[in-house]
Amino acid sequence: MRSEQTIAHARRRVSAAVGAIVPRRRSRLWFEALLVAWMCWLYDMLANLAPLRRVTAINHAWATLHIERAVGLDPELALNRWLAAQHSLGLALSDYYDNAHFVVTLGLLAWIWWRRPDIYRPLRNALVLINLVGFAVFWLYPMAPPRMLTGVGFSDIVAATHAFGSWHTGSLAADADQYAAMPSLHMAWAAWCAIAIWRLTHRRSVRALGVLHVLLTGVAVIATGNHFLLDVFAGLATAALATAAIAIAREWARRRDPYASVDDPAA
């Protein structure tokens, strides 16, 4: 019995040594496709139920605005009015808000899947957890964006500039959860991108692009009237907590069996 355990441990040591030299194989594409489809299905369910919680979402938005004003952290209206007077810049930030959210995040995820399978799974798992946390909060605490508050002076910059791929007007509006401001998944995804880039390279110029993406996203979501400052902080916190949770889970798995892979080879 002891000899069999010794052989098993020896095989794991060899696998670990080989894994340190040869990158792990890519996760199966069909599994990734099913995972994306499942996430889309969950979001679609929430979006279909969103109109039933409109009053609650509006009340939560008013409460958030009152809290921010009470502590003196309410830059949303000033930034929104400033951007409303800058049509070209408003269009650029609206296009960035609508499209960079998906293009940058999913493009980076696909690139990591193709080129860096050795770090893909923990990053993918962190992104999935970010969305699951976001979906849970959307359901438990629906909140309207600032642009939906009447009598305050907010403008819907995205709708006003007719931005490309707008989810505020036309047929796409029916497919979006308009009461999912808290937390800002735009910010959570942008933070995930910065974390992923930080793991991919040590080049300062490339890392700076990741940080710039976070900053631009923060300005865009607030100035266009789509998120409160508290939503932004919540989005950053969601990304940080999800990434930390995945890292802790992997470390715990390693300590339980230091010679076993913490990744599911079937995934």
C-alpha atoms as a PDB file:
ATOM      1  CA  MET A   1       0.000   0.000   0.000  1.00  0.00           C
ATOM      2  CA  ARG A   2       2.799   2.410   0.948  1.00  0.00           C
ATOM      3  CA  SER A   3       4.661   1.604  -2.277  1.00  0.00           C
ATOM      4  CA  GLU A   4       1.567   2.469  -4.328  1.00  0.00           C
ATOM      5  CA  GLN A   5       1.269   5.822  -2.516  1.00  0.00           C
ATOM      6  CA  THR A   6       4.967   6.478  -3.126  1.00  0.00           C
ATOM      7  CA  ILE A   7       4.546   5.798  -6.837  1.00  0.00           C
ATOM      8  CA  ALA A   8       1.453   8.022  -6.992  1.00  0.00           C
ATOM      9  CA  HIS A   9       3.297  10.884  -5.306  1.00  0.00           C
ATOM     10  CA  ALA A  10       6.247  10.412  -7.631  1.00  0.00           C
ATOM     11  CA  ARG A  11       3.958  10.669 -10.658  1.00  0.00           C
ATOM     12  CA  ARG A  12       2.458  13.863  -9.272  1.00  0.00           C
ATOM     13  CA  ARG A  13       5.916  15.334  -8.751  1.00  0.00           C
ATOM     14  CA  VAL A  14       6.785  14.548 -12.365  1.00  0.00           C
ATOM     15  CA  SER A  15       3.497  16.080 -13.560  1.00  0.00           C
ATOM     16  CA  ALA A  16       4.137  19.193 -11.502  1.00  0.00           C
ATOM     17  CA  ALA A  17       7.656  19.504 -12.880  1.00  0.00           C
ATOM     18  CA  VAL A  18       6.447  19.069 -16.454  1.00  0.00           C
ATOM     19  CA  GLY A  19       3.615  21.537 -15.851  1.00  0.00           C
ATOM     20  CA  ALA A  20       6.122  24.138 -14.730  1.00  0.00           C
ATOM     21  CA  ILE A  21       7.876  23.855 -18.100  1.00  0.00           C
ATOM     22  CA  VAL A  22       5.052  23.048 -20.519  1.00  0.00           C
ATOM     23  CA  PRO A  23       1.916  25.227 -20.346  1.00  0.00           C
ATOM     24  CA  ARG A  24      -1.294  23.406 -19.488  1.00  0.00           C
ATOM     25  CA  ARG A  25      -3.459  22.577 -22.456  1.00  0.00           C
ATOM     26  CA  ARG A  26      -6.334  24.866 -23.286  1.00  0.00           C
ATOM     27  CA  SER A  27      -9.667  24.259 -21.664  1.00  0.00           C
ATOM     28  CA  ARG A  28     -12.217  22.747 -23.992  1.00  0.00           C
ATOM     29  CA  LEU A  29     -14.025  25.218 -26.202  1.00  0.00           C
ATOM     30  CA  TRP A  30     -17.404  23.542 -25.787  1.00  0.00           C
ATOM     31  CA  PHE A  31     -17.127  23.966 -22.021  1.00  0.00           C
ATOM     32  CA  GLU A  32     -16.343  27.673 -22.397  1.00  0.00           C
ATOM     33  CA  ALA A  33     -19.270  28.108 -24.796  1.00  0.00           C
ATOM     34  CA  LEU A  34     -21.659  26.413 -22.373  1.00  0.00           C
ATOM     35  CA  LEU A  35     -20.389  28.615 -19.553  1.00  0.00           C
ATOM     36  CA  VAL A  36     -21.016  31.779 -21.581  1.00  0.00           C
ATOM     37  CA  ALA A  37     -24.479  30.542 -22.566  1.00  0.00           C
ATOM     38  CA  TRP A  38     -25.326  29.834 -18.922  1.00  0.00           C
ATOM     39  CA  MET A  39     -24.214  33.301 -17.846  1.00  0.00           C
ATOM     40  CA  CYS A  40     -26.277  34.890 -20.620  1.00  0.00           C
ATOM     41  CA  TRP A  41     -29.292  32.837 -19.567  1.00  0.00           C
ATOM     42  CA  LEU A  42     -28.973  34.011 -15.953  1.00  0.00           C
ATOM     43  CA  TYR A  43     -28.695  37.634 -17.025  1.00  0.00           C
ATOM     44  CA  ASP A  44     -31.668  37.292 -19.371  1.00  0.00           C
ATOM     45  CA  MET A  45     -33.804  35.933 -16.534  1.00  0.00           C
ATOM     46  CA  LEU A  46     -32.942  38.948 -14.394  1.00  0.00           C
ATOM     47  CA  ALA A  47     -33.600  41.333 -17.278  1.00  0.00           C
ATOM     48  CA  ASN A  48     -37.049  39.827 -17.836  1.00  0.00           C
ATOM     49  CA  LEU A  49     -37.955  40.354 -14.178  1.00  0.00           C
ATOM     50  CA  ALA A  50     -36.458  43.849 -13.936  1.00  0.00           C
ATOM     51  CA  PRO A  51     -39.638  45.815 -14.841  1.00  0.00           C
ATOM     52  CA  LEU A  52     -41.408  44.274 -11.851  1.00  0.00           C
ATOM     53  CA  ARG A  53     -38.936  45.979  -9.510  1.00  0.00           C
ATOM     54  CA  ARG A  54     -38.911  49.428 -11.087  1.00  0.00           C
ATOM     55  CA  VAL A  55     -40.294  51.296  -8.068  1.00  0.00           C
ATOM     56  CA  THR A  56     -37.865  49.598  -5.693  1.00  0.00           C
ATOM     57  CA  ALA A  57     -34.956  50.325  -8.025  1.00  0.00           C
ATOM     58  CA  ILE A  58     -35.865  54.023  -8.281  1.00  0.00           C
ATOM     59  CA  ASN A  59     -36.177  54.291  -4.493  1.00  0.00           C
ATOM     60  CA  HIS A  60     -32.754  52.711  -4.038  1.00  0.00           C
ATOM     61  CA  ALA A  61     -31.278  55.206  -6.515  1.00  0.00           C
ATOM     62  CA  TRP A  62     -32.731  58.133  -4.571  1.00  0.00           C
ATOM     63  CA  ALA A  63     -31.359  56.688  -1.341  1.00  0.00           C
ATOM     64  CA  THR A  64     -27.891  56.358  -2.878  1.00  0.00           C
ATOM     65  CA  LEU A  65     -27.976  59.945  -4.119  1.00  0.00           C
ATOM     66  CA  HIS A  66     -29.002  61.190  -0.663  1.00  0.00           C
ATOM     67  CA  ILE A  67     -26.175  59.228   0.990  1.00  0.00           C
ATOM     68  CA  GLU A  68     -23.591  60.612  -1.409  1.00  0.00           C
ATOM     69  CA  ARG A  69     -24.813  64.167  -0.932  1.00  0.00           C
ATOM     70  CA  ALA A  70     -24.778  63.742   2.830  1.00  0.00           C
ATOM     71  CA  VAL A  71     -21.076  62.819   2.774  1.00  0.00           C
ATOM     72  CA  GLY A  72     -20.152  65.255   0.012  1.00  0.00           C
ATOM     73  CA  LEU A  73     -19.251  62.629  -2.618  1.00  0.00           C
ATOM     74  CA  ASP A  74     -21.699  63.227  -5.462  1.00  0.00           C
ATOM     75  CA  PRO A  75     -19.795  64.153  -8.660  1.00  0.00           C
ATOM     76  CA  GLU A  76     -22.357  62.540 -10.974  1.00  0.00           C
ATOM     77  CA  LEU A  77     -24.529  65.560 -11.824  1.00  0.00           C
ATOM     78  CA  ALA A  78     -21.615  67.956 -12.372  1.00  0.00           C
ATOM     79  CA  LEU A  79     -19.823  65.511 -14.682  1.00  0.00           C
ATOM     80  CA  ASN A  80     -23.041  64.667 -16.501  1.00  0.00           C
ATOM     81  CA  ARG A  81     -23.883  68.329 -17.185  1.00  0.00           C
ATOM     82  CA  TRP A  82     -20.331  69.016 -18.339  1.00  0.00           C
ATOM     83  CA  LEU A  83     -20.359  66.072 -20.745  1.00  0.00           C
ATOM     84  CA  ALA A  84     -23.799  67.000 -22.080  1.00  0.00           C
ATOM     85  CA  ALA A  85     -22.270  70.215 -23.444  1.00  0.00           C
ATOM     86  CA  GLN A  86     -19.464  68.315 -25.220  1.00  0.00           C
ATOM     87  CA  HIS A  87     -21.198  66.429 -28.025  1.00  0.00           C
ATOM     88  CA  SER A  88     -18.127  64.855 -29.659  1.00  0.00           C
ATOM     89  CA  LEU A  89     -16.586  63.833 -26.370  1.00  0.00           C
ATOM     90  CA  GLY A  90     -19.978  62.631 -25.167  1.00  0.00           C
ATOM     91  CA  LEU A  91     -20.302  60.413 -28.235  1.00  0.00           C
ATOM     92  CA  ALA A  92     -16.774  59.055 -27.770  1.00  0.00           C
ATOM     93  CA  LEU A  93     -17.323  58.214 -24.104  1.00  0.00           C
ATOM     94  CA  SER A  94     -20.740  56.732 -24.880  1.00  0.00           C
ATOM     95  CA  ASP A  95     -19.243  54.489 -27.552  1.00  0.00           C
ATOM     96  CA  TYR A  96     -16.538  53.501 -25.077  1.00  0.00           C
ATOM     97  CA  TYR A  97     -19.163  52.771 -22.421  1.00  0.00           C
ATOM     98  CA  ASP A  98     -21.253  50.627 -24.772  1.00  0.00           C
ATOM     99  CA  ASN A  99     -18.522  48.677 -26.528  1.00  0.00           C
ATOM    100  CA  ALA A 100     -15.217  48.561 -24.634  1.00  0.00           C
ATOM    101  CA  HIS A 101     -17.003  46.734 -21.825  1.00  0.00           C
ATOM    102  CA  PHE A 102     -17.418  43.697 -24.088  1.00  0.00           C
ATOM    103  CA  VAL A 103     -14.670  44.093 -26.679  1.00  0.00           C
ATOM    104  CA  VAL A 104     -11.776  44.589 -24.258  1.00  0.00           C
ATOM    105  CA  THR A 105     -12.896  42.039 -21.678  1.00  0.00           C
ATOM    106  CA  LEU A 106     -13.939  39.219 -24.005  1.00  0.00           C
ATOM    107  CA  GLY A 107     -11.052  39.901 -26.387  1.00  0.00           C
ATOM    108  CA  LEU A 108      -8.562  39.694 -23.538  1.00  0.00           C
ATOM    109  CA  LEU A 109     -10.218  36.559 -22.190  1.00  0.00           C
ATOM    110  CA  ALA A 110     -10.038  34.879 -25.617  1.00  0.00           C
ATOM    111  CA  TRP A 111      -6.388  35.880 -26.046  1.00  0.00           C
ATOM    112  CA  ILE A 112      -5.471  34.421 -22.662  1.00  0.00           C
ATOM    113  CA  TRP A 113      -7.348  31.210 -23.497  1.00  0.00           C
ATOM    114  CA  TRP A 114      -5.381  30.901 -26.730  1.00  0.00           C
ATOM    115  CA  ARG A 115      -1.914  32.062 -25.656  1.00  0.00           C
ATOM    116  CA  ARG A 116      -1.714  31.561 -21.884  1.00  0.00           C
ATOM    117  CA  PRO A 117      -3.680  28.455 -20.859  1.00  0.00           C
ATOM    118  CA  ASP A 118      -1.428  28.205 -17.784  1.00  0.00           C
ATOM    119  CA  ILE A 119      -3.164  31.218 -16.177  1.00  0.00           C
ATOM    120  CA  TYR A 120      -6.508  31.102 -17.987  1.00  0.00           C
ATOM    121  CA  ARG A 121      -8.644  29.083 -15.590  1.00  0.00           C
ATOM    122  CA  PRO A 122      -8.187  31.152 -12.409  1.00  0.00           C
ATOM    123  CA  LEU A 123      -8.769  34.359 -14.378  1.00  0.00           C
ATOM    124  CA  ARG A 124     -11.863  32.923 -16.048  1.00  0.00           C
ATOM    125  CA  ASN A 125     -13.173  31.664 -12.725  1.00  0.00           C
ATOM    126  CA  ALA A 126     -12.665  35.102 -11.183  1.00  0.00           C
ATOM    127  CA  LEU A 127     -14.643  36.706 -14.022  1.00  0.00           C
ATOM    128  CA  VAL A 128     -17.455  34.191 -13.609  1.00  0.00           C
ATOM    129  CA  LEU A 129     -17.571  34.848  -9.860  1.00  0.00           C
ATOM    130  CA  ILE A 130     -17.627  38.609 -10.492  1.00  0.00           C
ATOM    131  CA  ASN A 131     -20.740  38.175 -12.602  1.00  0.00           C
ATOM    132  CA  LEU A 132     -22.451  35.803 -10.171  1.00  0.00           C
ATOM    133  CA  VAL A 133     -21.932  38.278  -7.324  1.00  0.00           C
ATOM    134  CA  GLY A 134     -23.215  41.068  -9.544  1.00  0.00           C
ATOM    135  CA  PHE A 135     -26.293  39.075 -10.542  1.00  0.00           C
ATOM    136  CA  ALA A 136     -27.064  38.276  -6.915  1.00  0.00           C
ATOM    137  CA  VAL A 137     -26.933  41.961  -5.977  1.00  0.00           C
ATOM    138  CA  PHE A 138     -29.032  42.900  -9.020  1.00  0.00           C
ATOM    139  CA  TRP A 139     -31.706  40.539  -7.736  1.00  0.00           C
ATOM    140  CA  LEU A 140     -31.502  41.397  -4.041  1.00  0.00           C
ATOM    141  CA  TYR A 141     -30.895  45.141  -4.406  1.00  0.00           C
ATOM    142  CA  PRO A 142     -32.076  46.468  -7.788  1.00  0.00           C
ATOM    143  CA  MET A 143     -31.046  50.064  -8.416  1.00  0.00           C
ATOM    144  CA  ALA A 144     -31.780  52.494 -11.213  1.00  0.00           C
ATOM    145  CA  PRO A 145     -29.001  54.580 -12.770  1.00  0.00           C
ATOM    146  CA  PRO A 146     -28.849  58.353 -12.137  1.00  0.00           C
ATOM    147  CA  ARG A 147     -30.208  59.082 -15.620  1.00  0.00           C
ATOM    148  CA  MET A 148     -33.578  57.665 -14.571  1.00  0.00           C
ATOM    149  CA  LEU A 149     -34.076  60.094 -11.687  1.00  0.00           C
ATOM    150  CA  THR A 150     -36.522  62.823 -12.669  1.00  0.00           C
ATOM    151  CA  GLY A 151     -36.301  66.422 -11.540  1.00  0.00           C
ATOM    152  CA  VAL A 152     -32.570  66.327 -10.780  1.00  0.00           C
ATOM    153  CA  GLY A 153     -31.161  67.365 -14.135  1.00  0.00           C
ATOM    154  CA  PHE A 154     -29.414  64.212 -15.349  1.00  0.00           C
ATOM    155  CA  SER A 155     -29.151  63.580 -19.105  1.00  0.00           C
ATOM    156  CA  ASP A 156     -28.969  60.204 -20.819  1.00  0.00           C
ATOM    157  CA  ILE A 157     -25.814  60.948 -22.815  1.00  0.00           C
ATOM    158  CA  VAL A 158     -25.764  57.546 -24.500  1.00  0.00           C
ATOM    159  CA  ALA A 159     -29.300  57.986 -25.869  1.00  0.00           C
ATOM    160  CA  ALA A 160     -28.783  61.659 -26.743  1.00  0.00           C
ATOM    161  CA  THR A 161     -25.647  60.999 -28.822  1.00  0.00           C
ATOM    162  CA  HIS A 162     -27.116  57.888 -30.526  1.00  0.00           C
ATOM    163  CA  ALA A 163     -24.006  55.932 -29.577  1.00  0.00           C
ATOM    164  CA  PHE A 164     -23.145  52.796 -31.503  1.00  0.00           C
ATOM    165  CA  GLY A 165     -24.533  49.669 -29.864  1.00  0.00           C
ATOM    166  CA  SER A 166     -26.650  51.614 -27.367  1.00  0.00           C
ATOM    167  CA  TRP A 167     -28.591  49.501 -24.881  1.00  0.00           C
ATOM    168  CA  HIS A 168     -30.789  52.458 -23.929  1.00  0.00           C
ATOM    169  CA  THR A 169     -32.817  52.786 -27.123  1.00  0.00           C
ATOM    170  CA  GLY A 170     -34.184  50.567 -29.869  1.00  0.00           C
ATOM    171  CA  SER A 171     -34.507  46.797 -29.780  1.00  0.00           C
ATOM    172  CA  LEU A 172     -31.462  46.318 -27.529  1.00  0.00           C
ATOM    173  CA  ALA A 173     -33.129  48.211 -24.685  1.00  0.00           C
ATOM    174  CA  ALA A 174     -35.566  45.340 -24.154  1.00  0.00           C
ATOM    175  CA  ASP A 175     -32.684  42.900 -23.623  1.00  0.00           C
ATOM    176  CA  ALA A 176     -30.865  44.922 -20.948  1.00  0.00           C
ATOM    177  CA  ASP A 177     -31.528  45.095 -17.221  1.00  0.00           C
ATOM    178  CA  GLN A 178     -32.005  48.835 -16.767  1.00  0.00           C
ATOM    179  CA  TYR A 179     -32.041  48.500 -12.972  1.00  0.00           C
ATOM    180  CA  ALA A 180     -28.629  46.876 -12.513  1.00  0.00           C
ATOM    181  CA  ALA A 181     -26.526  49.856 -11.486  1.00  0.00           C
ATOM    182  CA  MET A 182     -25.206  48.342  -8.246  1.00  0.00           C
ATOM    183  CA  PRO A 183     -22.498  47.121  -8.490  1.00  0.00           C
ATOM    184  CA  SER A 184     -21.090  48.501 -11.734  1.00  0.00           C
ATOM    185  CA  LEU A 185     -20.075  45.456 -13.739  1.00  0.00           C
ATOM    186  CA  HIS A 186     -18.453  47.848 -16.201  1.00  0.00           C
ATOM    187  CA  MET A 187     -16.017  48.758 -13.439  1.00  0.00           C
ATOM    188  CA  ALA A 188     -15.678  45.181 -12.204  1.00  0.00           C
ATOM    189  CA  TRP A 189     -14.839  43.927 -15.697  1.00  0.00           C
ATOM    190  CA  ALA A 190     -12.396  46.812 -16.255  1.00  0.00           C
ATOM    191  CA  ALA A 191     -10.659  45.991 -12.966  1.00  0.00           C
ATOM    192  CA  TRP A 192     -10.505  42.323 -13.991  1.00  0.00           C
ATOM    193  CA  CYS A 193      -8.822  43.376 -17.245  1.00  0.00           C
ATOM    194  CA  ALA A 194      -6.211  45.347 -15.305  1.00  0.00           C
ATOM    195  CA  ILE A 195      -5.560  42.354 -13.028  1.00  0.00           C
ATOM    196  CA  ALA A 196      -5.254  40.029 -16.034  1.00  0.00           C
ATOM    197  CA  ILE A 197      -2.835  42.371 -17.800  1.00  0.00           C
ATOM    198  CA  TRP A 198      -0.798  42.637 -14.598  1.00  0.00           C
ATOM    199  CA  ARG A 199      -0.428  38.857 -14.610  1.00  0.00           C
ATOM    200  CA  LEU A 200       0.348  38.699 -18.315  1.00  0.00           C
ATOM    201  CA  THR A 201       3.251  41.117 -18.485  1.00  0.00           C
ATOM    202  CA  HIS A 202       5.770  43.140 -16.509  1.00  0.00           C
ATOM    203  CA  ARG A 203       5.971  45.855 -19.160  1.00  0.00           C
ATOM    204  CA  ARG A 204       5.009  49.156 -17.588  1.00  0.00           C
ATOM    205  CA  SER A 205       3.535  50.577 -20.775  1.00  0.00           C
ATOM    206  CA  VAL A 206       1.131  47.661 -21.172  1.00  0.00           C
ATOM    207  CA  ARG A 207       0.188  47.702 -17.506  1.00  0.00           C
ATOM    208  CA  ALA A 208      -0.449  51.430 -17.807  1.00  0.00           C
ATOM    209  CA  LEU A 209      -2.992  50.678 -20.544  1.00  0.00           C
ATOM    210  CA  GLY A 210      -4.851  48.416 -18.124  1.00  0.00           C
ATOM    211  CA  VAL A 211      -4.967  51.155 -15.502  1.00  0.00           C
ATOM    212  CA  LEU A 212      -6.039  53.689 -18.153  1.00  0.00           C
ATOM    213  CA  HIS A 213      -8.907  51.405 -19.147  1.00  0.00           C
ATOM    214  CA  VAL A 214     -10.128  51.394 -15.538  1.00  0.00           C
ATOM    215  CA  LEU A 215      -9.911  55.187 -15.286  1.00  0.00           C
ATOM    216  CA  LEU A 216     -11.657  55.789 -18.613  1.00  0.00           C
ATOM    217  CA  THR A 217     -14.398  53.352 -17.696  1.00  0.00           C
ATOM    218  CA  GLY A 218     -14.914  55.115 -14.364  1.00  0.00           C
ATOM    219  CA  VAL A 219     -15.276  58.498 -16.036  1.00  0.00           C
ATOM    220  CA  ALA A 220     -17.552  57.096 -18.744  1.00  0.00           C
ATOM    221  CA  VAL A 221     -19.994  55.298 -16.448  1.00  0.00           C
ATOM    222  CA  ILE A 222     -20.406  58.319 -14.163  1.00  0.00           C
ATOM    223  CA  ALA A 223     -20.393  61.155 -16.719  1.00  0.00           C
ATOM    224  CA  THR A 224     -22.901  59.435 -19.023  1.00  0.00           C
ATOM    225  CA  GLY A 225     -25.346  59.150 -16.118  1.00  0.00           C
ATOM    226  CA  ASN A 226     -25.249  55.374 -15.843  1.00  0.00           C
ATOM    227  CA  HIS A 227     -23.696  54.860 -12.422  1.00  0.00           C
ATOM    228  CA  PHE A 228     -23.244  56.512  -9.063  1.00  0.00           C
ATOM    229  CA  LEU A 229     -19.826  56.800  -7.465  1.00  0.00           C
ATOM    230  CA  LEU A 230     -20.873  54.162  -4.934  1.00  0.00           C
ATOM    231  CA  ASP A 231     -21.629  51.793  -7.826  1.00  0.00           C
ATOM    232  CA  VAL A 232     -18.078  52.312  -9.083  1.00  0.00           C
ATOM    233  CA  PHE A 233     -16.572  51.516  -5.682  1.00  0.00           C
ATOM    234  CA  ALA A 234     -18.824  48.462  -5.391  1.00  0.00           C
ATOM    235  CA  GLY A 235     -17.695  47.244  -8.813  1.00  0.00           C
ATOM    236  CA  LEU A 236     -14.031  47.560  -7.871  1.00  0.00           C
ATOM    237  CA  ALA A 237     -14.690  45.780  -4.578  1.00  0.00           C
ATOM    238  CA  THR A 238     -16.524  42.973  -6.391  1.00  0.00           C
ATOM    239  CA  ALA A 239     -13.546  42.390  -8.697  1.00  0.00           C
ATOM    240  CA  ALA A 240     -11.090  42.450  -5.790  1.00  0.00           C
ATOM    241  CA  LEU A 241     -13.125  40.056  -3.639  1.00  0.00           C
ATOM    242  CA  ALA A 242     -13.784  37.612  -6.474  1.00  0.00           C
ATOM    243  CA  THR A 243     -10.127  37.507  -7.473  1.00  0.00           C
ATOM    244  CA  ALA A 244      -9.053  37.038  -3.859  1.00  0.00           C
ATOM    245  CA  ALA A 245     -11.626  34.282  -3.322  1.00  0.00           C
ATOM    246  CA  ILE A 246     -10.351  32.309  -6.323  1.00  0.00           C
ATOM    247  CA  ALA A 247      -6.739  32.748  -5.190  1.00  0.00           C
ATOM    248  CA  ILE A 248      -7.582  31.557  -1.665  1.00  0.00           C
ATOM    249  CA  ALA A 249      -9.480  28.540  -3.013  1.00  0.00           C
ATOM    250  CA  ARG A 250      -6.524  27.553  -5.217  1.00  0.00           C
ATOM    251  CA  GLU A 251      -4.069  27.951  -2.350  1.00  0.00           C
ATOM    252  CA  TRP A 252      -6.265  25.838  -0.080  1.00  0.00           C
ATOM    253  CA  ALA A 253      -6.431  23.132  -2.761  1.00  0.00           C
ATOM    254  CA  ARG A 254      -2.648  23.197  -3.151  1.00  0.00           C
ATOM    255  CA  ARG A 255      -2.089  22.793   0.574  1.00  0.00           C
ATOM    256  CA  ARG A 256      -4.429  19.839   0.704  1.00  0.00           C
ATOM    257  CA  ASP A 257      -2.418  18.080  -2.005  1.00  0.00           C
ATOM    258  CA  PRO A 258       0.681  19.999  -3.139  1.00  0.00           C
ATOM    259  CA  TYR A 259       1.383  17.570  -5.986  1.00  0.00           C
ATOM    260  CA  ALA A 260      -2.078  17.622  -7.547  1.00  0.00           C
ATOM    261  CA  SER A 261      -3.277  20.091 -10.165  1.00  0.00           C
ATOM    262  CA  VAL A 262      -5.859  22.558  -8.825  1.00  0.00           C
ATOM    263  CA  ASP A 263      -7.416  22.851 -12.267  1.00  0.00           C
ATOM    264  CA  ASP A 264     -10.000  20.453 -13.598  1.00  0.00           C
ATOM    265  CA  PRO A 265      -8.503  18.987 -16.760  1.00  0.00           C
ATOM    266  CA  ALA A 266     -11.953  18.448 -18.182  1.00  0.00           C
ATOM    267  CA  ALA A 267     -12.555  22.199 -18.081  1.00  0.00           C
END
